[in-house]
């Protein structure tokens, strides 16, 4: 899936990607907005920057994200 800037997403599961850190486990279930989808690279393995509601901005592997439809 290609993520776009401004999309609402959920961190819905722990990632299998090696860039996943143990502290990220606390973010599972949280929602946020894509702020940097790395569209220039168009690389499915690239990290996506997400501004989480009240938790700051973090970079996540794409396999732990799903788009929310409001």
PDB file of N, CA and C in Angstrom:
ATOM      1  N   UNK A   1       0.838  -1.183   0.000  1.00  0.00           N
ATOM      2  CA  UNK A   1       0.000   0.000   0.000  1.00  0.00           C
ATOM      3  C   UNK A   1       0.877   1.238   0.000  1.00  0.00           C
ATOM      4  N   UNK A   2       0.444   2.250  -0.703  1.00  0.00           N
ATOM      5  CA  UNK A   2       1.142   3.525  -0.709  1.00  0.00           C
ATOM      6  C   UNK A   2       0.441   4.476   0.246  1.00  0.00           C
ATOM      7  N   UNK A   3       1.192   4.982   1.204  1.00  0.00           N
ATOM      8  CA  UNK A   3       0.639   5.931   2.157  1.00  0.00           C
ATOM      9  C   UNK A   3       0.787   7.340   1.615  1.00  0.00           C
ATOM     10  N   UNK A   4      -0.193   8.201   1.967  1.00  0.00           N
ATOM     11  CA  UNK A   4      -0.168   9.593   1.526  1.00  0.00           C
ATOM     12  C   UNK A   4      -0.125  10.527   2.727  1.00  0.00           C
ATOM     13  N   UNK A   5       0.502  11.664   2.526  1.00  0.00           N
ATOM     14  CA  UNK A   5       0.583  12.687   3.557  1.00  0.00           C
ATOM     15  C   UNK A   5      -0.833  13.070   4.014  1.00  0.00           C
ATOM     16  N   UNK A   6      -1.045  13.129   5.320  1.00  0.00           N
ATOM     17  CA  UNK A   6      -2.332  13.533   5.869  1.00  0.00           C
ATOM     18  C   UNK A   6      -3.298  12.403   6.158  1.00  0.00           C
ATOM     19  N   UNK A   7      -2.982  11.169   5.750  1.00  0.00           N
ATOM     20  CA  UNK A   7      -3.876  10.043   6.023  1.00  0.00           C
ATOM     21  C   UNK A   7      -3.878   9.714   7.515  1.00  0.00           C
ATOM     22  N   UNK A   8      -5.063   9.363   8.035  1.00  0.00           N
ATOM     23  CA  UNK A   8      -5.178   8.886   9.410  1.00  0.00           C
ATOM     24  C   UNK A   8      -4.856   7.398   9.406  1.00  0.00           C
ATOM     25  N   UNK A   9      -3.994   6.985  10.319  1.00  0.00           N
ATOM     26  CA  UNK A   9      -3.594   5.582  10.395  1.00  0.00           C
ATOM     27  C   UNK A   9      -3.627   5.100  11.841  1.00  0.00           C
ATOM     28  N   UNK A  10      -3.602   3.792  11.978  1.00  0.00           N
ATOM     29  CA  UNK A  10      -3.501   3.142  13.277  1.00  0.00           C
ATOM     30  C   UNK A  10      -2.255   2.266  13.270  1.00  0.00           C
ATOM     31  N   UNK A  11      -1.545   2.265  14.394  1.00  0.00           N
ATOM     32  CA  UNK A  11      -0.482   1.283  14.605  1.00  0.00           C
ATOM     33  C   UNK A  11      -1.241   0.059  15.123  1.00  0.00           C
ATOM     34  N   UNK A  12      -1.533  -0.877  14.248  1.00  0.00           N
ATOM     35  CA  UNK A  12      -2.456  -1.955  14.610  1.00  0.00           C
ATOM     36  C   UNK A  12      -1.785  -3.246  15.063  1.00  0.00           C
ATOM     37  N   UNK A  13      -0.490  -3.346  14.859  1.00  0.00           N
ATOM     38  CA  UNK A  13       0.208  -4.549  15.304  1.00  0.00           C
ATOM     39  C   UNK A  13       1.703  -4.259  15.429  1.00  0.00           C
ATOM     40  N   UNK A  14       2.382  -5.137  16.106  1.00  0.00           N
ATOM     41  CA  UNK A  14       3.833  -5.072  16.212  1.00  0.00           C
ATOM     42  C   UNK A  14       4.426  -5.464  14.860  1.00  0.00           C
ATOM     43  N   UNK A  15       5.443  -4.755  14.428  1.00  0.00           N
ATOM     44  CA  UNK A  15       6.054  -5.022  13.130  1.00  0.00           C
ATOM     45  C   UNK A  15       7.047  -6.173  13.202  1.00  0.00           C
ATOM     46  N   UNK A  16       7.183  -6.880  12.096  1.00  0.00           N
ATOM     47  CA  UNK A  16       8.197  -7.929  11.970  1.00  0.00           C
ATOM     48  C   UNK A  16       9.516  -7.346  11.463  1.00  0.00           C
ATOM     49  N   UNK A  17       9.518  -6.065  11.094  1.00  0.00           N
ATOM     50  CA  UNK A  17      10.694  -5.394  10.555  1.00  0.00           C
ATOM     51  C   UNK A  17      11.771  -5.255  11.617  1.00  0.00           C
ATOM     52  N   UNK A  18      13.028  -5.370  11.219  1.00  0.00           N
ATOM     53  CA  UNK A  18      14.150  -5.267  12.162  1.00  0.00           C
ATOM     54  C   UNK A  18      14.289  -3.871  12.765  1.00  0.00           C
ATOM     55  N   UNK A  19      13.662  -2.865  12.177  1.00  0.00           N
ATOM     56  CA  UNK A  19      13.746  -1.511  12.721  1.00  0.00           C
ATOM     57  C   UNK A  19      12.774  -1.278  13.880  1.00  0.00           C
ATOM     58  N   UNK A  20      11.904  -2.248  14.148  1.00  0.00           N
ATOM     59  CA  UNK A  20      10.962  -2.140  15.267  1.00  0.00           C
ATOM     60  C   UNK A  20      11.745  -2.246  16.568  1.00  0.00           C
ATOM     61  N   UNK A  21      11.525  -1.294  17.462  1.00  0.00           N
ATOM     62  CA  UNK A  21      12.180  -1.281  18.774  1.00  0.00           C
ATOM     63  C   UNK A  21      11.170  -1.678  19.849  1.00  0.00           C
ATOM     64  N   UNK A  22      11.624  -2.263  20.928  1.00  0.00           N
ATOM     65  CA  UNK A  22      10.713  -2.739  21.973  1.00  0.00           C
ATOM     66  C   UNK A  22       9.864  -1.624  22.578  1.00  0.00           C
ATOM     67  N   UNK A  23      10.400  -0.397  22.664  1.00  0.00           N
ATOM     68  CA  UNK A  23       9.611   0.701  23.230  1.00  0.00           C
ATOM     69  C   UNK A  23       8.392   1.024  22.352  1.00  0.00           C
ATOM     70  N   UNK A  24       8.426   0.618  21.079  1.00  0.00           N
ATOM     71  CA  UNK A  24       7.314   0.882  20.171  1.00  0.00           C
ATOM     72  C   UNK A  24       6.080   0.047  20.510  1.00  0.00           C
ATOM     73  N   UNK A  25       6.258  -1.008  21.291  1.00  0.00           N
ATOM     74  CA  UNK A  25       5.124  -1.858  21.662  1.00  0.00           C
ATOM     75  C   UNK A  25       4.013  -1.039  22.310  1.00  0.00           C
ATOM     76  N   UNK A  26       4.376   0.009  23.051  1.00  0.00           N
ATOM     77  CA  UNK A  26       3.368   0.827  23.728  1.00  0.00           C
ATOM     78  C   UNK A  26       2.521   1.640  22.749  1.00  0.00           C
ATOM     79  N   UNK A  27       2.949   1.756  21.495  1.00  0.00           N
ATOM     80  CA  UNK A  27       2.215   2.527  20.508  1.00  0.00           C
ATOM     81  C   UNK A  27       1.149   1.709  19.775  1.00  0.00           C
ATOM     82  N   UNK A  28       1.167   0.389  19.918  1.00  0.00           N
ATOM     83  CA  UNK A  28       0.184  -0.454  19.239  1.00  0.00           C
ATOM     84  C   UNK A  28      -1.210  -0.061  19.720  1.00  0.00           C
ATOM     85  N   UNK A  29      -2.090   0.191  18.763  1.00  0.00           N
ATOM     86  CA  UNK A  29      -3.461   0.603  19.062  1.00  0.00           C
ATOM     87  C   UNK A  29      -3.673   2.107  18.973  1.00  0.00           C
ATOM     88  N   UNK A  30      -2.584   2.883  18.873  1.00  0.00           N
ATOM     89  CA  UNK A  30      -2.718   4.334  18.791  1.00  0.00           C
ATOM     90  C   UNK A  30      -2.971   4.790  17.360  1.00  0.00           C
ATOM     91  N   UNK A  31      -3.545   5.988  17.234  1.00  0.00           N
ATOM     92  CA  UNK A  31      -3.847   6.581  15.935  1.00  0.00           C
ATOM     93  C   UNK A  31      -2.977   7.806  15.716  1.00  0.00           C
ATOM     94  N   UNK A  32      -2.784   8.147  14.448  1.00  0.00           N
ATOM     95  CA  UNK A  32      -2.009   9.323  14.103  1.00  0.00           C
ATOM     96  C   UNK A  32      -2.213   9.700  12.651  1.00  0.00           C
ATOM     97  N   UNK A  33      -1.397  10.658  12.208  1.00  0.00           N
ATOM     98  CA  UNK A  33      -1.486  11.177  10.846  1.00  0.00           C
ATOM     99  C   UNK A  33      -0.133  11.016  10.158  1.00  0.00           C
ATOM    100  N   UNK A  34      -0.146  10.539   8.913  1.00  0.00           N
ATOM    101  CA  UNK A  34       1.082  10.421   8.123  1.00  0.00           C
ATOM    102  C   UNK A  34       1.617  11.829   7.864  1.00  0.00           C
ATOM    103  N   UNK A  35       2.875  12.061   8.246  1.00  0.00           N
ATOM    104  CA  UNK A  35       3.492  13.364   7.994  1.00  0.00           C
ATOM    105  C   UNK A  35       4.615  13.270   6.973  1.00  0.00           C
ATOM    106  N   UNK A  36       5.135  12.081   6.744  1.00  0.00           N
ATOM    107  CA  UNK A  36       6.171  11.879   5.718  1.00  0.00           C
ATOM    108  C   UNK A  36       6.071  10.438   5.225  1.00  0.00           C
ATOM    109  N   UNK A  37       5.381  10.243   4.110  1.00  0.00           N
ATOM    110  CA  UNK A  37       5.178   8.881   3.602  1.00  0.00           C
ATOM    111  C   UNK A  37       6.358   8.297   2.835  1.00  0.00           C
ATOM    112  N   UNK A  38       7.455   9.047   2.682  1.00  0.00           N
ATOM    113  CA  UNK A  38       8.599   8.582   1.899  1.00  0.00           C
ATOM    114  C   UNK A  38       8.190   8.234   0.471  1.00  0.00           C
ATOM    115  N   UNK A  39       7.272   9.015  -0.080  1.00  0.00           N
ATOM    116  CA  UNK A  39       6.765   8.773  -1.428  1.00  0.00           C
ATOM    117  C   UNK A  39       7.846   8.953  -2.484  1.00  0.00           C
ATOM    118  N   UNK A  40       8.853   9.751  -2.185  1.00  0.00           N
ATOM    119  CA  UNK A  40       9.924   9.973  -3.155  1.00  0.00           C
ATOM    120  C   UNK A  40      10.636   8.672  -3.446  1.00  0.00           C
ATOM    121  N   UNK A  41      10.890   7.896  -2.413  1.00  0.00           N
ATOM    122  CA  UNK A  41      11.559   6.606  -2.584  1.00  0.00           C
ATOM    123  C   UNK A  41      10.624   5.567  -3.179  1.00  0.00           C
ATOM    124  N   UNK A  42       9.329   5.649  -2.804  1.00  0.00           N
ATOM    125  CA  UNK A  42       8.345   4.646  -3.201  1.00  0.00           C
ATOM    126  C   UNK A  42       8.858   3.243  -2.887  1.00  0.00           C
ATOM    127  N   UNK A  43       9.441   3.104  -1.726  1.00  0.00           N
ATOM    128  CA  UNK A  43      10.052   1.860  -1.275  1.00  0.00           C
ATOM    129  C   UNK A  43       9.171   1.245  -0.182  1.00  0.00           C
ATOM    130  N   UNK A  44       8.584   0.081  -0.418  1.00  0.00           N
ATOM    131  CA  UNK A  44       7.698  -0.513   0.583  1.00  0.00           C
ATOM    132  C   UNK A  44       8.402  -0.842   1.894  1.00  0.00           C
ATOM    133  N   UNK A  45       9.728  -0.910   1.883  1.00  0.00           N
ATOM    134  CA  UNK A  45      10.459  -1.195   3.112  1.00  0.00           C
ATOM    135  C   UNK A  45      10.858   0.069   3.866  1.00  0.00           C
ATOM    136  N   UNK A  46      10.601   1.239   3.275  1.00  0.00           N
ATOM    137  CA  UNK A  46      10.976   2.500   3.919  1.00  0.00           C
ATOM    138  C   UNK A  46      10.085   2.772   5.126  1.00  0.00           C
ATOM    139  N   UNK A  47      10.645   3.469   6.098  1.00  0.00           N
ATOM    140  CA  UNK A  47       9.877   3.853   7.277  1.00  0.00           C
ATOM    141  C   UNK A  47       8.971   5.030   6.936  1.00  0.00           C
ATOM    142  N   UNK A  48       7.822   5.067   7.603  1.00  0.00           N
ATOM    143  CA  UNK A  48       6.835   6.116   7.392  1.00  0.00           C
ATOM    144  C   UNK A  48       6.762   6.949   8.664  1.00  0.00           C
ATOM    145  N   UNK A  49       6.812   8.267   8.520  1.00  0.00           N
ATOM    146  CA  UNK A  49       6.733   9.145   9.682  1.00  0.00           C
ATOM    147  C   UNK A  49       5.271   9.405  10.018  1.00  0.00           C
ATOM    148  N   UNK A  50       4.936   9.164  11.300  1.00  0.00           N
ATOM    149  CA  UNK A  50       3.566   9.318  11.777  1.00  0.00           C
ATOM    150  C   UNK A  50       3.568  10.215  13.000  1.00  0.00           C
ATOM    151  N   UNK A  51       2.692  11.208  12.987  1.00  0.00           N
ATOM    152  CA  UNK A  51       2.486  12.053  14.160  1.00  0.00           C
ATOM    153  C   UNK A  51       1.354  11.429  14.956  1.00  0.00           C
ATOM    154  N   UNK A  52       1.710  10.779  16.075  1.00  0.00           N
ATOM    155  CA  UNK A  52       0.723  10.089  16.902  1.00  0.00           C
ATOM    156  C   UNK A  52      -0.015  11.077  17.788  1.00  0.00           C
ATOM    157  N   UNK A  53      -1.290  10.824  17.991  1.00  0.00           N
ATOM    158  CA  UNK A  53      -2.093  11.670  18.862  1.00  0.00           C
ATOM    159  C   UNK A  53      -1.474  11.711  20.259  1.00  0.00           C
ATOM    160  N   UNK A  54      -0.983  12.863  20.651  1.00  0.00           N
ATOM    161  CA  UNK A  54      -0.429  13.144  21.978  1.00  0.00           C
ATOM    162  C   UNK A  54       0.803  12.304  22.350  1.00  0.00           C
ATOM    163  N   UNK A  55       1.483  11.727  21.371  1.00  0.00           N
ATOM    164  CA  UNK A  55       2.679  10.911  21.649  1.00  0.00           C
ATOM    165  C   UNK A  55       3.879  11.328  20.804  1.00  0.00           C
ATOM    166  N   UNK A  56       3.765  12.419  20.053  1.00  0.00           N
ATOM    167  CA  UNK A  56       4.887  12.884  19.247  1.00  0.00           C
ATOM    168  C   UNK A  56       4.938  12.217  17.888  1.00  0.00           C
ATOM    169  N   UNK A  57       6.015  12.509  17.172  1.00  0.00           N
ATOM    170  CA  UNK A  57       6.204  11.999  15.820  1.00  0.00           C
ATOM    171  C   UNK A  57       7.283  10.925  15.816  1.00  0.00           C
ATOM    172  N   UNK A  58       6.988   9.817  15.162  1.00  0.00           N
ATOM    173  CA  UNK A  58       7.892   8.663  15.134  1.00  0.00           C
ATOM    174  C   UNK A  58       7.890   8.063  13.739  1.00  0.00           C
ATOM    175  N   UNK A  59       8.921   7.295  13.431  1.00  0.00           N
ATOM    176  CA  UNK A  59       9.007   6.594  12.150  1.00  0.00           C
ATOM    177  C   UNK A  59       8.709   5.107  12.388  1.00  0.00           C
ATOM    178  N   UNK A  60       7.810   4.576  11.569  1.00  0.00           N
ATOM    179  CA  UNK A  60       7.372   3.193  11.717  1.00  0.00           C
ATOM    180  C   UNK A  60       7.529   2.424  10.417  1.00  0.00           C
ATOM    181  N   UNK A  61       7.794   1.110  10.534  1.00  0.00           N
ATOM    182  CA  UNK A  61       7.753   0.248   9.346  1.00  0.00           C
ATOM    183  C   UNK A  61       6.317   0.206   8.820  1.00  0.00           C
ATOM    184  N   UNK A  62       6.171   0.001   7.537  1.00  0.00           N
ATOM    185  CA  UNK A  62       4.844   0.051   6.929  1.00  0.00           C
ATOM    186  C   UNK A  62       3.942  -1.128   7.307  1.00  0.00           C
ATOM    187  N   UNK A  63       4.520  -2.262   7.669  1.00  0.00           N
ATOM    188  CA  UNK A  63       3.683  -3.441   7.934  1.00  0.00           C
ATOM    189  C   UNK A  63       2.882  -3.355   9.227  1.00  0.00           C
ATOM    190  N   UNK A  64       3.121  -2.342  10.051  1.00  0.00           N
ATOM    191  CA  UNK A  64       2.367  -2.213  11.294  1.00  0.00           C
ATOM    192  C   UNK A  64       1.273  -1.158  11.182  1.00  0.00           C
ATOM    193  N   UNK A  65       1.147  -0.532  10.020  1.00  0.00           N
ATOM    194  CA  UNK A  65       0.181   0.561   9.827  1.00  0.00           C
ATOM    195  C   UNK A  65      -1.004   0.123   8.997  1.00  0.00           C
ATOM    196  N   UNK A  66      -2.168   0.671   9.341  1.00  0.00           N
ATOM    197  CA  UNK A  66      -3.340   0.522   8.462  1.00  0.00           C
ATOM    198  C   UNK A  66      -4.083   1.849   8.435  1.00  0.00           C
ATOM    199  N   UNK A  67      -4.627   2.151   7.282  1.00  0.00           N
ATOM    200  CA  UNK A  67      -5.346   3.403   7.075  1.00  0.00           C
ATOM    201  C   UNK A  67      -6.705   3.322   7.749  1.00  0.00           C
ATOM    202  N   UNK A  68      -7.074   4.395   8.441  1.00  0.00           N
ATOM    203  CA  UNK A  68      -8.394   4.486   9.060  1.00  0.00           C
ATOM    204  C   UNK A  68      -9.331   5.244   8.125  1.00  0.00           C
ATOM    205  N   UNK A  69     -10.556   4.800   8.058  1.00  0.00           N
ATOM    206  CA  UNK A  69     -11.556   5.521   7.303  1.00  0.00           C
ATOM    207  C   UNK A  69     -12.534   6.113   8.294  1.00  0.00           C
ATOM    208  N   UNK A  70     -12.569   7.427   8.325  1.00  0.00           N
ATOM    209  CA  UNK A  70     -13.459   8.115   9.288  1.00  0.00           C
ATOM    210  C   UNK A  70     -14.810   8.377   8.703  1.00  0.00           C
TER     211      UNK A  70
END
